[in-house]
Amino acid sequence: MSEAQNAAPQAPITIKKYANRRLYNTATSSYVTLDHLAQMVKDGADFVVYDAKTGDDITRSVLTQIIVEEEGKGGQNLLPISFLRQIIGFYGDSLGGLVPRYLEYSMSSFSRNETQMRTYMQNALDGLFPFNPFEEMGKQNMAFFESAMKMFSPFYPHGADGAVRPGDPQTEPRLEDLQAKINVLQRQIEDISKKK
């Protein structure tokens, strides 16, 4: 084993947010912006953001703020409006507790496929590009996310305006039904992963 493998994982970098909304990186002793933090995420750096006055962990709200700014830049929007509406619909719902675990599992699976796609592209030799594996993973990712969206839509139908309409007795979700669908989806993801 190399020294890097024997070394304990590094503690996350501490970022402090002050009342003037400035962010201070304690590792580099410098002020940073949300763009800096976004780049740190892309580079795989782990950090935790604390309110400098109260000491509260505000990492989640800062990461959410980064997403809002990225979505507002207009270049690439990753969050479809229907998805955002579905997420909002789950706040305060009895099923809301399942959503974070489900989304984390889904994004981990997508990330694994994304890494494989990048590897195929980097290993292409003499102009021979392996379209079939790349195309197959793209189809699997699309099928997975379509399946995920369909899983939630029977519980929260949308009107013509796209608004979520919870509370209808015919469509009120049952925890057991959702858990069963999540289990089926997880088995499908595991089967796809085993085939690779």
N, C-alpha and C. Protein backbone atom coordinates (compact mmCIF):
# COMPACT_ATOMS: atom_id res chain seq x y z
N MET A 1 0.83 -1.20 0.00
CA MET A 1 0.00 0.00 0.00
C MET A 1 0.87 1.25 0.00
N SER A 2 0.42 2.23 -0.73
CA SER A 2 1.18 3.48 -0.78
C SER A 2 0.86 4.32 0.45
N GLU A 3 1.68 5.36 0.65
CA GLU A 3 1.45 6.25 1.78
C GLU A 3 0.11 6.95 1.67
N ALA A 4 -0.29 7.29 0.43
CA ALA A 4 -1.57 7.98 0.22
C ALA A 4 -2.73 7.10 0.66
N GLN A 5 -2.60 5.76 0.41
CA GLN A 5 -3.67 4.86 0.80
C GLN A 5 -3.71 4.65 2.30
N ASN A 6 -2.53 4.71 2.95
CA ASN A 6 -2.46 4.53 4.40
C ASN A 6 -2.91 5.78 5.15
N ALA A 7 -2.83 6.93 4.50
CA ALA A 7 -3.16 8.18 5.18
C ALA A 7 -4.65 8.25 5.48
N ALA A 8 -4.96 8.82 6.61
CA ALA A 8 -6.37 8.99 6.99
C ALA A 8 -6.99 10.07 6.11
N PRO A 9 -8.28 9.96 5.86
CA PRO A 9 -8.91 11.00 5.05
C PRO A 9 -8.78 12.36 5.72
N GLN A 10 -8.59 13.38 4.88
CA GLN A 10 -8.41 14.73 5.41
C GLN A 10 -9.73 15.29 5.90
N ALA A 11 -9.63 16.10 6.93
CA ALA A 11 -10.82 16.77 7.46
C ALA A 11 -11.28 17.80 6.43
N PRO A 12 -12.58 18.05 6.37
CA PRO A 12 -13.07 19.05 5.42
C PRO A 12 -12.51 20.43 5.72
N ILE A 13 -12.35 21.22 4.68
CA ILE A 13 -11.89 22.60 4.83
C ILE A 13 -13.00 23.40 5.49
N THR A 14 -12.64 24.27 6.41
CA THR A 14 -13.63 25.10 7.09
C THR A 14 -13.75 26.45 6.39
N ILE A 15 -14.99 26.77 6.04
CA ILE A 15 -15.31 28.06 5.44
C ILE A 15 -16.21 28.78 6.44
N LYS A 16 -15.91 30.04 6.72
CA LYS A 16 -16.73 30.82 7.64
C LYS A 16 -17.47 31.89 6.85
N LYS A 17 -18.76 32.03 7.14
CA LYS A 17 -19.56 33.06 6.49
C LYS A 17 -19.86 34.15 7.51
N TYR A 18 -19.48 35.36 7.15
CA TYR A 18 -19.65 36.50 8.05
C TYR A 18 -20.94 37.26 7.74
N ALA A 19 -21.31 38.14 8.64
CA ALA A 19 -22.56 38.90 8.51
C ALA A 19 -22.61 39.71 7.23
N ASN A 20 -21.46 40.15 6.75
CA ASN A 20 -21.42 40.93 5.51
C ASN A 20 -21.50 40.02 4.27
N ARG A 21 -21.84 38.73 4.50
CA ARG A 21 -22.03 37.73 3.46
C ARG A 21 -20.71 37.28 2.83
N ARG A 22 -19.60 37.70 3.40
CA ARG A 22 -18.31 37.27 2.85
C ARG A 22 -17.96 35.90 3.39
N LEU A 23 -17.32 35.11 2.54
CA LEU A 23 -16.92 33.74 2.88
C LEU A 23 -15.40 33.71 3.05
N TYR A 24 -14.96 33.11 4.14
CA TYR A 24 -13.53 33.08 4.46
C TYR A 24 -13.04 31.64 4.53
N ASN A 25 -12.06 31.31 3.70
CA ASN A 25 -11.47 29.97 3.67
C ASN A 25 -10.35 29.93 4.71
N THR A 26 -10.54 29.16 5.77
CA THR A 26 -9.54 29.12 6.85
C THR A 26 -8.28 28.37 6.42
N ALA A 27 -8.38 27.50 5.40
CA ALA A 27 -7.20 26.75 4.96
C ALA A 27 -6.23 27.64 4.20
N THR A 28 -6.77 28.58 3.42
CA THR A 28 -5.91 29.46 2.62
C THR A 28 -5.81 30.86 3.21
N SER A 29 -6.54 31.10 4.31
CA SER A 29 -6.58 32.42 4.95
C SER A 29 -6.92 33.52 3.94
N SER A 30 -7.98 33.25 3.17
CA SER A 30 -8.39 34.23 2.16
C SER A 30 -9.90 34.20 2.00
N TYR A 31 -10.43 35.32 1.51
CA TYR A 31 -11.85 35.38 1.23
C TYR A 31 -12.12 34.70 -0.11
N VAL A 32 -13.25 34.04 -0.20
CA VAL A 32 -13.61 33.32 -1.42
C VAL A 32 -15.04 33.71 -1.82
N THR A 33 -15.40 33.34 -3.04
CA THR A 33 -16.74 33.61 -3.54
C THR A 33 -17.47 32.28 -3.73
N LEU A 34 -18.74 32.37 -4.06
CA LEU A 34 -19.50 31.15 -4.36
C LEU A 34 -18.90 30.43 -5.58
N ASP A 35 -18.36 31.20 -6.53
CA ASP A 35 -17.71 30.58 -7.69
C ASP A 35 -16.51 29.75 -7.26
N HIS A 36 -15.74 30.26 -6.28
CA HIS A 36 -14.61 29.49 -5.76
C HIS A 36 -15.10 28.19 -5.13
N LEU A 37 -16.16 28.28 -4.35
CA LEU A 37 -16.69 27.08 -3.70
C LEU A 37 -17.22 26.09 -4.74
N ALA A 38 -17.86 26.60 -5.78
CA ALA A 38 -18.35 25.72 -6.86
C ALA A 38 -17.18 24.98 -7.50
N GLN A 39 -16.06 25.68 -7.71
CA GLN A 39 -14.88 25.04 -8.29
C GLN A 39 -14.29 24.00 -7.34
N MET A 40 -14.33 24.30 -6.05
CA MET A 40 -13.83 23.34 -5.06
C MET A 40 -14.66 22.05 -5.12
N VAL A 41 -15.98 22.18 -5.28
CA VAL A 41 -16.83 21.00 -5.41
C VAL A 41 -16.45 20.21 -6.65
N LYS A 42 -16.26 20.91 -7.77
CA LYS A 42 -15.89 20.24 -9.02
C LYS A 42 -14.53 19.56 -8.91
N ASP A 43 -13.64 20.14 -8.10
CA ASP A 43 -12.31 19.57 -7.91
C ASP A 43 -12.30 18.45 -6.88
N GLY A 44 -13.45 18.20 -6.25
CA GLY A 44 -13.54 17.12 -5.26
C GLY A 44 -13.09 17.52 -3.87
N ALA A 45 -12.91 18.82 -3.61
CA ALA A 45 -12.50 19.26 -2.28
C ALA A 45 -13.71 19.26 -1.35
N ASP A 46 -13.53 18.75 -0.16
CA ASP A 46 -14.61 18.69 0.82
C ASP A 46 -14.50 19.91 1.74
N PHE A 47 -15.62 20.57 1.96
CA PHE A 47 -15.61 21.72 2.86
C PHE A 47 -16.93 21.78 3.63
N VAL A 48 -16.86 22.49 4.75
CA VAL A 48 -18.03 22.73 5.59
C VAL A 48 -18.10 24.23 5.81
N VAL A 49 -19.32 24.79 5.72
CA VAL A 49 -19.49 26.22 5.90
C VAL A 49 -20.20 26.47 7.23
N TYR A 50 -19.60 27.34 8.04
CA TYR A 50 -20.18 27.68 9.34
C TYR A 50 -20.51 29.17 9.38
N ASP A 51 -21.61 29.49 10.03
CA ASP A 51 -21.93 30.88 10.30
C ASP A 51 -20.92 31.38 11.33
N ALA A 52 -20.17 32.42 11.01
CA ALA A 52 -19.09 32.89 11.88
C ALA A 52 -19.61 33.37 13.24
N LYS A 53 -20.82 33.88 13.29
CA LYS A 53 -21.36 34.42 14.54
C LYS A 53 -21.96 33.32 15.42
N THR A 54 -22.79 32.46 14.83
CA THR A 54 -23.50 31.45 15.64
C THR A 54 -22.78 30.11 15.70
N GLY A 55 -21.92 29.84 14.73
CA GLY A 55 -21.25 28.55 14.66
C GLY A 55 -22.10 27.47 14.02
N ASP A 56 -23.31 27.82 13.52
CA ASP A 56 -24.19 26.85 12.89
C ASP A 56 -23.61 26.37 11.56
N ASP A 57 -23.83 25.09 11.27
CA ASP A 57 -23.41 24.52 10.00
C ASP A 57 -24.43 24.95 8.94
N ILE A 58 -23.99 25.76 7.98
CA ILE A 58 -24.88 26.27 6.94
C ILE A 58 -24.45 25.77 5.55
N THR A 59 -23.76 24.64 5.53
CA THR A 59 -23.26 24.09 4.27
C THR A 59 -24.38 23.85 3.28
N ARG A 60 -25.48 23.25 3.73
CA ARG A 60 -26.59 22.94 2.83
C ARG A 60 -27.14 24.20 2.14
N SER A 61 -27.34 25.27 2.91
CA SER A 61 -27.90 26.48 2.31
C SER A 61 -26.91 27.13 1.35
N VAL A 62 -25.62 27.05 1.64
CA VAL A 62 -24.62 27.64 0.74
C VAL A 62 -24.54 26.82 -0.55
N LEU A 63 -24.57 25.50 -0.45
CA LEU A 63 -24.56 24.66 -1.66
C LEU A 63 -25.82 24.92 -2.50
N THR A 64 -26.95 25.08 -1.83
CA THR A 64 -28.19 25.39 -2.54
C THR A 64 -28.08 26.74 -3.25
N GLN A 65 -27.45 27.70 -2.59
CA GLN A 65 -27.24 29.03 -3.19
C GLN A 65 -26.36 28.91 -4.44
N ILE A 66 -25.35 28.04 -4.39
CA ILE A 66 -24.48 27.82 -5.55
C ILE A 66 -25.32 27.28 -6.71
N ILE A 67 -26.20 26.31 -6.42
CA ILE A 67 -27.04 25.73 -7.46
C ILE A 67 -27.94 26.79 -8.07
N VAL A 68 -28.54 27.63 -7.23
CA VAL A 68 -29.42 28.69 -7.72
C VAL A 68 -28.64 29.64 -8.65
N GLU A 69 -27.43 29.99 -8.26
CA GLU A 69 -26.62 30.89 -9.11
C GLU A 69 -26.23 30.22 -10.42
N GLU A 70 -25.86 28.92 -10.36
CA GLU A 70 -25.50 28.20 -11.58
C GLU A 70 -26.69 28.12 -12.52
N GLU A 71 -27.87 27.81 -11.97
CA GLU A 71 -29.08 27.74 -12.79
C GLU A 71 -29.42 29.10 -13.40
N GLY A 72 -29.11 30.18 -12.67
CA GLY A 72 -29.43 31.52 -13.14
C GLY A 72 -28.48 32.06 -14.19
N LYS A 73 -27.35 31.41 -14.39
CA LYS A 73 -26.37 31.90 -15.37
C LYS A 73 -26.87 31.73 -16.80
N GLY A 74 -27.84 30.85 -17.01
CA GLY A 74 -28.45 30.73 -18.32
C GLY A 74 -27.74 29.83 -19.30
N GLY A 75 -26.57 29.35 -18.97
CA GLY A 75 -25.86 28.49 -19.90
C GLY A 75 -26.42 27.08 -19.92
N GLN A 76 -26.42 26.46 -18.78
CA GLN A 76 -26.85 25.08 -18.69
C GLN A 76 -27.77 24.91 -17.49
N ASN A 77 -29.01 24.56 -17.74
CA ASN A 77 -29.95 24.32 -16.66
C ASN A 77 -30.08 22.81 -16.46
N LEU A 78 -29.69 22.34 -15.27
CA LEU A 78 -29.73 20.90 -15.00
C LEU A 78 -31.02 20.45 -14.34
N LEU A 79 -31.76 21.37 -13.75
CA LEU A 79 -32.95 20.99 -12.99
C LEU A 79 -34.21 21.36 -13.77
N PRO A 80 -34.90 20.37 -14.34
CA PRO A 80 -36.14 20.66 -15.06
C PRO A 80 -37.20 21.23 -14.12
N ILE A 81 -38.07 22.06 -14.66
CA ILE A 81 -39.11 22.70 -13.85
C ILE A 81 -40.01 21.65 -13.21
N SER A 82 -40.37 20.60 -13.94
CA SER A 82 -41.24 19.58 -13.37
C SER A 82 -40.57 18.90 -12.17
N PHE A 83 -39.26 18.69 -12.26
CA PHE A 83 -38.52 18.09 -11.15
C PHE A 83 -38.54 19.01 -9.93
N LEU A 84 -38.31 20.31 -10.16
CA LEU A 84 -38.33 21.27 -9.05
C LEU A 84 -39.70 21.29 -8.38
N ARG A 85 -40.76 21.23 -9.19
CA ARG A 85 -42.11 21.22 -8.62
C ARG A 85 -42.35 19.96 -7.79
N GLN A 86 -41.85 18.84 -8.29
CA GLN A 86 -42.03 17.59 -7.54
C GLN A 86 -41.28 17.65 -6.21
N ILE A 87 -40.07 18.18 -6.24
CA ILE A 87 -39.29 18.31 -4.99
C ILE A 87 -40.04 19.19 -4.00
N ILE A 88 -40.51 20.35 -4.46
CA ILE A 88 -41.25 21.26 -3.58
C ILE A 88 -42.47 20.56 -3.00
N GLY A 89 -43.14 19.74 -3.81
CA GLY A 89 -44.32 19.02 -3.36
C GLY A 89 -44.05 18.06 -2.22
N PHE A 90 -42.81 17.58 -2.10
CA PHE A 90 -42.48 16.63 -1.05
C PHE A 90 -42.10 17.28 0.28
N TYR A 91 -41.88 18.61 0.29
CA TYR A 91 -41.58 19.26 1.57
C TYR A 91 -42.80 19.19 2.48
N GLY A 92 -42.58 18.73 3.70
CA GLY A 92 -43.66 18.62 4.68
C GLY A 92 -44.52 17.39 4.48
N ASP A 93 -44.23 16.58 3.48
CA ASP A 93 -44.99 15.38 3.20
C ASP A 93 -44.42 14.20 3.98
N SER A 94 -45.25 13.23 4.28
CA SER A 94 -44.78 12.06 5.04
C SER A 94 -43.74 11.27 4.25
N LEU A 95 -43.75 11.39 2.94
CA LEU A 95 -42.77 10.68 2.12
C LEU A 95 -41.48 11.47 1.93
N GLY A 96 -41.46 12.70 2.39
CA GLY A 96 -40.29 13.55 2.19
C GLY A 96 -39.01 12.95 2.72
N GLY A 97 -39.11 12.14 3.77
CA GLY A 97 -37.91 11.53 4.34
C GLY A 97 -37.23 10.53 3.42
N LEU A 98 -37.98 9.96 2.46
CA LEU A 98 -37.39 9.01 1.52
C LEU A 98 -36.66 9.69 0.37
N VAL A 99 -37.04 10.91 0.08
CA VAL A 99 -36.51 11.60 -1.11
C VAL A 99 -35.00 11.80 -1.05
N PRO A 100 -34.42 12.30 0.06
CA PRO A 100 -32.96 12.51 0.06
C PRO A 100 -32.16 11.24 -0.21
N ARG A 101 -32.58 10.13 0.43
CA ARG A 101 -31.87 8.87 0.23
C ARG A 101 -32.00 8.41 -1.22
N TYR A 102 -33.19 8.55 -1.78
CA TYR A 102 -33.43 8.14 -3.16
C TYR A 102 -32.59 8.98 -4.13
N LEU A 103 -32.59 10.30 -3.93
CA LEU A 103 -31.83 11.17 -4.83
C LEU A 103 -30.33 10.91 -4.71
N GLU A 104 -29.86 10.69 -3.50
CA GLU A 104 -28.43 10.41 -3.31
C GLU A 104 -28.03 9.12 -4.04
N TYR A 105 -28.86 8.09 -3.93
CA TYR A 105 -28.59 6.82 -4.60
C TYR A 105 -28.63 7.00 -6.12
N SER A 106 -29.60 7.76 -6.61
CA SER A 106 -29.74 8.00 -8.05
C SER A 106 -28.53 8.74 -8.60
N MET A 107 -28.10 9.79 -7.89
CA MET A 107 -26.97 10.57 -8.37
C MET A 107 -25.67 9.78 -8.29
N SER A 108 -25.52 8.90 -7.31
CA SER A 108 -24.33 8.05 -7.23
C SER A 108 -24.26 7.13 -8.44
N SER A 109 -25.40 6.56 -8.79
CA SER A 109 -25.46 5.68 -9.96
C SER A 109 -25.13 6.46 -11.24
N PHE A 110 -25.73 7.63 -11.38
CA PHE A 110 -25.47 8.46 -12.55
C PHE A 110 -23.99 8.84 -12.62
N SER A 111 -23.41 9.17 -11.49
CA SER A 111 -22.00 9.56 -11.43
C SER A 111 -21.09 8.42 -11.87
N ARG A 112 -21.41 7.20 -11.45
CA ARG A 112 -20.61 6.04 -11.88
C ARG A 112 -20.65 5.90 -13.39
N ASN A 113 -21.83 6.04 -13.99
CA ASN A 113 -21.95 5.94 -15.44
C ASN A 113 -21.24 7.09 -16.13
N GLU A 114 -21.32 8.27 -15.55
CA GLU A 114 -20.66 9.44 -16.13
C GLU A 114 -19.15 9.23 -16.17
N THR A 115 -18.60 8.64 -15.12
CA THR A 115 -17.16 8.36 -15.08
C THR A 115 -16.78 7.37 -16.17
N GLN A 116 -17.61 6.34 -16.37
CA GLN A 116 -17.33 5.36 -17.43
C GLN A 116 -17.39 6.02 -18.80
N MET A 117 -18.37 6.91 -19.02
CA MET A 117 -18.47 7.58 -20.30
C MET A 117 -17.22 8.41 -20.59
N ARG A 118 -16.73 9.10 -19.57
CA ARG A 118 -15.50 9.90 -19.75
C ARG A 118 -14.31 8.99 -20.07
N THR A 119 -14.25 7.84 -19.41
CA THR A 119 -13.16 6.90 -19.64
C THR A 119 -13.19 6.39 -21.08
N TYR A 120 -14.38 6.03 -21.59
CA TYR A 120 -14.48 5.59 -22.98
C TYR A 120 -13.99 6.67 -23.93
N MET A 121 -14.35 7.91 -23.67
CA MET A 121 -13.95 9.00 -24.55
C MET A 121 -12.43 9.20 -24.52
N GLN A 122 -11.83 9.10 -23.33
CA GLN A 122 -10.40 9.32 -23.20
C GLN A 122 -9.58 8.18 -23.80
N ASN A 123 -10.14 6.97 -23.82
CA ASN A 123 -9.40 5.80 -24.31
C ASN A 123 -9.63 5.53 -25.79
N ALA A 124 -10.37 6.41 -26.47
CA ALA A 124 -10.61 6.21 -27.91
C ALA A 124 -9.29 6.32 -28.66
N LEU A 125 -9.01 5.33 -29.50
CA LEU A 125 -7.74 5.31 -30.23
C LEU A 125 -7.96 5.50 -31.73
N ASP A 126 -7.06 6.22 -32.37
CA ASP A 126 -7.03 6.39 -33.83
C ASP A 126 -8.40 6.75 -34.41
N GLY A 127 -9.12 7.61 -33.73
CA GLY A 127 -10.41 8.05 -34.26
C GLY A 127 -11.52 7.04 -34.10
N LEU A 128 -11.22 5.87 -33.51
CA LEU A 128 -12.27 4.88 -33.29
C LEU A 128 -12.93 5.19 -31.97
N PHE A 129 -14.12 5.64 -32.03
CA PHE A 129 -14.84 6.03 -30.82
C PHE A 129 -15.88 4.96 -30.50
N PRO A 130 -15.87 4.44 -29.26
CA PRO A 130 -16.80 3.36 -28.91
C PRO A 130 -18.22 3.88 -28.69
N PHE A 131 -18.91 4.18 -29.80
CA PHE A 131 -20.25 4.76 -29.68
C PHE A 131 -21.22 3.82 -28.97
N ASN A 132 -21.10 2.53 -29.22
CA ASN A 132 -22.09 1.62 -28.64
C ASN A 132 -22.12 1.65 -27.11
N PRO A 133 -20.97 1.49 -26.42
CA PRO A 133 -21.04 1.57 -24.94
C PRO A 133 -21.51 2.93 -24.46
N PHE A 134 -21.04 4.00 -25.12
CA PHE A 134 -21.44 5.36 -24.73
C PHE A 134 -22.94 5.54 -24.90
N GLU A 135 -23.44 5.11 -26.06
CA GLU A 135 -24.86 5.25 -26.36
C GLU A 135 -25.70 4.41 -25.40
N GLU A 136 -25.22 3.19 -25.11
CA GLU A 136 -25.96 2.30 -24.20
C GLU A 136 -26.07 2.90 -22.80
N MET A 137 -24.98 3.47 -22.29
CA MET A 137 -25.03 4.09 -20.96
C MET A 137 -25.94 5.30 -20.96
N GLY A 138 -25.92 6.07 -22.06
CA GLY A 138 -26.83 7.21 -22.15
C GLY A 138 -28.28 6.77 -22.10
N LYS A 139 -28.60 5.69 -22.83
CA LYS A 139 -29.96 5.16 -22.82
C LYS A 139 -30.35 4.66 -21.43
N GLN A 140 -29.42 3.99 -20.75
CA GLN A 140 -29.70 3.49 -19.40
C GLN A 140 -29.95 4.64 -18.44
N ASN A 141 -29.14 5.69 -18.54
CA ASN A 141 -29.34 6.85 -17.66
C ASN A 141 -30.69 7.51 -17.92
N MET A 142 -31.04 7.67 -19.19
CA MET A 142 -32.33 8.27 -19.52
C MET A 142 -33.48 7.41 -19.02
N ALA A 143 -33.37 6.10 -19.23
CA ALA A 143 -34.43 5.19 -18.77
C ALA A 143 -34.55 5.24 -17.26
N PHE A 144 -33.41 5.32 -16.59
CA PHE A 144 -33.43 5.36 -15.13
C PHE A 144 -34.15 6.61 -14.63
N PHE A 145 -33.80 7.78 -15.18
CA PHE A 145 -34.42 9.01 -14.71
C PHE A 145 -35.89 9.13 -15.13
N GLU A 146 -36.23 8.61 -16.32
CA GLU A 146 -37.64 8.59 -16.70
C GLU A 146 -38.43 7.71 -15.74
N SER A 147 -37.83 6.57 -15.39
CA SER A 147 -38.49 5.67 -14.44
C SER A 147 -38.64 6.34 -13.09
N ALA A 148 -37.63 7.09 -12.68
CA ALA A 148 -37.69 7.79 -11.39
C ALA A 148 -38.81 8.82 -11.39
N MET A 149 -38.93 9.58 -12.48
CA MET A 149 -39.97 10.59 -12.54
C MET A 149 -41.36 9.96 -12.58
N LYS A 150 -41.49 8.84 -13.32
CA LYS A 150 -42.78 8.16 -13.39
C LYS A 150 -43.17 7.60 -12.04
N MET A 151 -42.17 7.20 -11.26
CA MET A 151 -42.46 6.63 -9.95
C MET A 151 -43.16 7.65 -9.06
N PHE A 152 -42.77 8.92 -9.15
CA PHE A 152 -43.38 9.93 -8.30
C PHE A 152 -44.66 10.49 -8.89
N SER A 153 -44.79 10.52 -10.22
CA SER A 153 -45.93 11.19 -10.82
C SER A 153 -47.28 10.56 -10.52
N PRO A 154 -47.42 9.23 -10.30
CA PRO A 154 -48.75 8.73 -9.97
C PRO A 154 -49.26 9.28 -8.65
N PHE A 155 -48.35 9.65 -7.78
CA PHE A 155 -48.76 10.13 -6.47
C PHE A 155 -49.12 11.61 -6.50
N TYR A 156 -48.50 12.35 -7.39
CA TYR A 156 -48.74 13.79 -7.47
C TYR A 156 -49.03 14.17 -8.91
N PRO A 157 -50.27 14.04 -9.34
CA PRO A 157 -50.58 14.39 -10.73
C PRO A 157 -50.46 15.89 -10.94
N HIS A 158 -50.19 16.25 -12.18
CA HIS A 158 -50.02 17.66 -12.53
C HIS A 158 -51.23 18.12 -13.32
N GLY A 159 -51.63 19.35 -13.09
CA GLY A 159 -52.70 19.94 -13.86
C GLY A 159 -52.14 20.48 -15.17
N ALA A 160 -52.99 21.14 -15.94
CA ALA A 160 -52.56 21.70 -17.22
C ALA A 160 -51.47 22.74 -17.02
N ASP A 161 -51.48 23.42 -15.87
CA ASP A 161 -50.46 24.43 -15.59
C ASP A 161 -49.18 23.83 -15.03
N GLY A 162 -49.14 22.50 -14.86
CA GLY A 162 -47.95 21.83 -14.33
C GLY A 162 -47.87 21.84 -12.83
N ALA A 163 -48.86 22.41 -12.15
CA ALA A 163 -48.80 22.49 -10.69
C ALA A 163 -49.12 21.14 -10.06
N VAL A 164 -48.40 20.85 -9.00
CA VAL A 164 -48.63 19.61 -8.26
C VAL A 164 -49.93 19.73 -7.48
N ARG A 165 -50.75 18.68 -7.49
CA ARG A 165 -52.03 18.71 -6.81
C ARG A 165 -52.12 17.56 -5.80
N PRO A 166 -51.39 17.66 -4.66
CA PRO A 166 -51.49 16.60 -3.66
C PRO A 166 -52.83 16.68 -2.92
N GLY A 167 -53.16 15.61 -2.22
CA GLY A 167 -54.34 15.63 -1.36
C GLY A 167 -55.54 14.95 -1.97
N ASP A 168 -55.54 14.65 -3.28
CA ASP A 168 -56.66 13.95 -3.88
C ASP A 168 -56.70 12.55 -3.28
N PRO A 169 -57.84 12.13 -2.71
CA PRO A 169 -57.91 10.82 -2.06
C PRO A 169 -57.55 9.68 -2.99
N GLN A 170 -57.82 9.83 -4.29
CA GLN A 170 -57.50 8.75 -5.23
C GLN A 170 -56.00 8.65 -5.50
N THR A 171 -55.26 9.73 -5.26
CA THR A 171 -53.83 9.72 -5.57
C THR A 171 -52.96 9.93 -4.34
N GLU A 172 -53.54 9.96 -3.16
CA GLU A 172 -52.75 10.16 -1.95
C GLU A 172 -51.75 9.01 -1.83
N PRO A 173 -50.47 9.31 -1.67
CA PRO A 173 -49.44 8.26 -1.69
C PRO A 173 -49.52 7.35 -0.48
N ARG A 174 -49.13 6.13 -0.73
CA ARG A 174 -49.00 5.18 0.37
C ARG A 174 -47.52 4.84 0.48
N LEU A 175 -47.01 4.92 1.68
CA LEU A 175 -45.59 4.72 1.93
C LEU A 175 -45.12 3.36 1.43
N GLU A 176 -45.94 2.35 1.61
CA GLU A 176 -45.55 1.00 1.20
C GLU A 176 -45.37 0.92 -0.32
N ASP A 177 -46.28 1.58 -1.06
CA ASP A 177 -46.19 1.56 -2.52
C ASP A 177 -44.90 2.22 -2.98
N LEU A 178 -44.59 3.36 -2.41
CA LEU A 178 -43.38 4.08 -2.81
C LEU A 178 -42.14 3.28 -2.44
N GLN A 179 -42.11 2.68 -1.26
CA GLN A 179 -40.95 1.89 -0.84
C GLN A 179 -40.76 0.71 -1.78
N ALA A 180 -41.85 0.06 -2.18
CA ALA A 180 -41.77 -1.07 -3.10
C ALA A 180 -41.18 -0.62 -4.44
N LYS A 181 -41.63 0.53 -4.93
CA LYS A 181 -41.11 1.03 -6.21
C LYS A 181 -39.63 1.40 -6.10
N ILE A 182 -39.23 1.98 -4.98
CA ILE A 182 -37.82 2.31 -4.76
C ILE A 182 -36.99 1.03 -4.76
N ASN A 183 -37.48 0.00 -4.10
CA ASN A 183 -36.75 -1.28 -4.05
C ASN A 183 -36.59 -1.87 -5.45
N VAL A 184 -37.65 -1.81 -6.27
CA VAL A 184 -37.57 -2.32 -7.64
C VAL A 184 -36.54 -1.53 -8.43
N LEU A 185 -36.57 -0.20 -8.29
CA LEU A 185 -35.63 0.66 -8.99
C LEU A 185 -34.19 0.38 -8.57
N GLN A 186 -33.98 0.16 -7.28
CA GLN A 186 -32.63 -0.13 -6.80
C GLN A 186 -32.13 -1.46 -7.36
N ARG A 187 -33.01 -2.46 -7.46
CA ARG A 187 -32.60 -3.74 -8.05
C ARG A 187 -32.24 -3.57 -9.52
N GLN A 188 -33.00 -2.73 -10.23
CA GLN A 188 -32.69 -2.47 -11.64
C GLN A 188 -31.33 -1.80 -11.79
N ILE A 189 -31.03 -0.86 -10.91
CA ILE A 189 -29.73 -0.17 -10.96
C ILE A 189 -28.61 -1.17 -10.68
N GLU A 190 -28.80 -2.02 -9.69
CA GLU A 190 -27.78 -3.02 -9.36
C GLU A 190 -27.56 -3.98 -10.51
N ASP A 191 -28.66 -4.39 -11.20
CA ASP A 191 -28.53 -5.28 -12.35
C ASP A 191 -27.74 -4.60 -13.47
N ILE A 192 -28.02 -3.32 -13.72
CA ILE A 192 -27.30 -2.58 -14.75
C ILE A 192 -25.82 -2.49 -14.40
N SER A 193 -25.52 -2.22 -13.12
CA SER A 193 -24.13 -2.10 -12.68
C SER A 193 -23.39 -3.41 -12.82
N LYS A 194 -24.05 -4.54 -12.54
CA LYS A 194 -23.41 -5.85 -12.63
C LYS A 194 -23.07 -6.21 -14.07
N LYS A 195 -23.87 -5.72 -15.03
CA LYS A 195 -23.64 -6.03 -16.43
C LYS A 195 -22.38 -5.37 -16.98
N LYS A 196 -21.94 -4.33 -16.28
CA LYS A 196 -20.76 -3.59 -16.76
C LYS A 196 -19.56 -4.22 -16.22
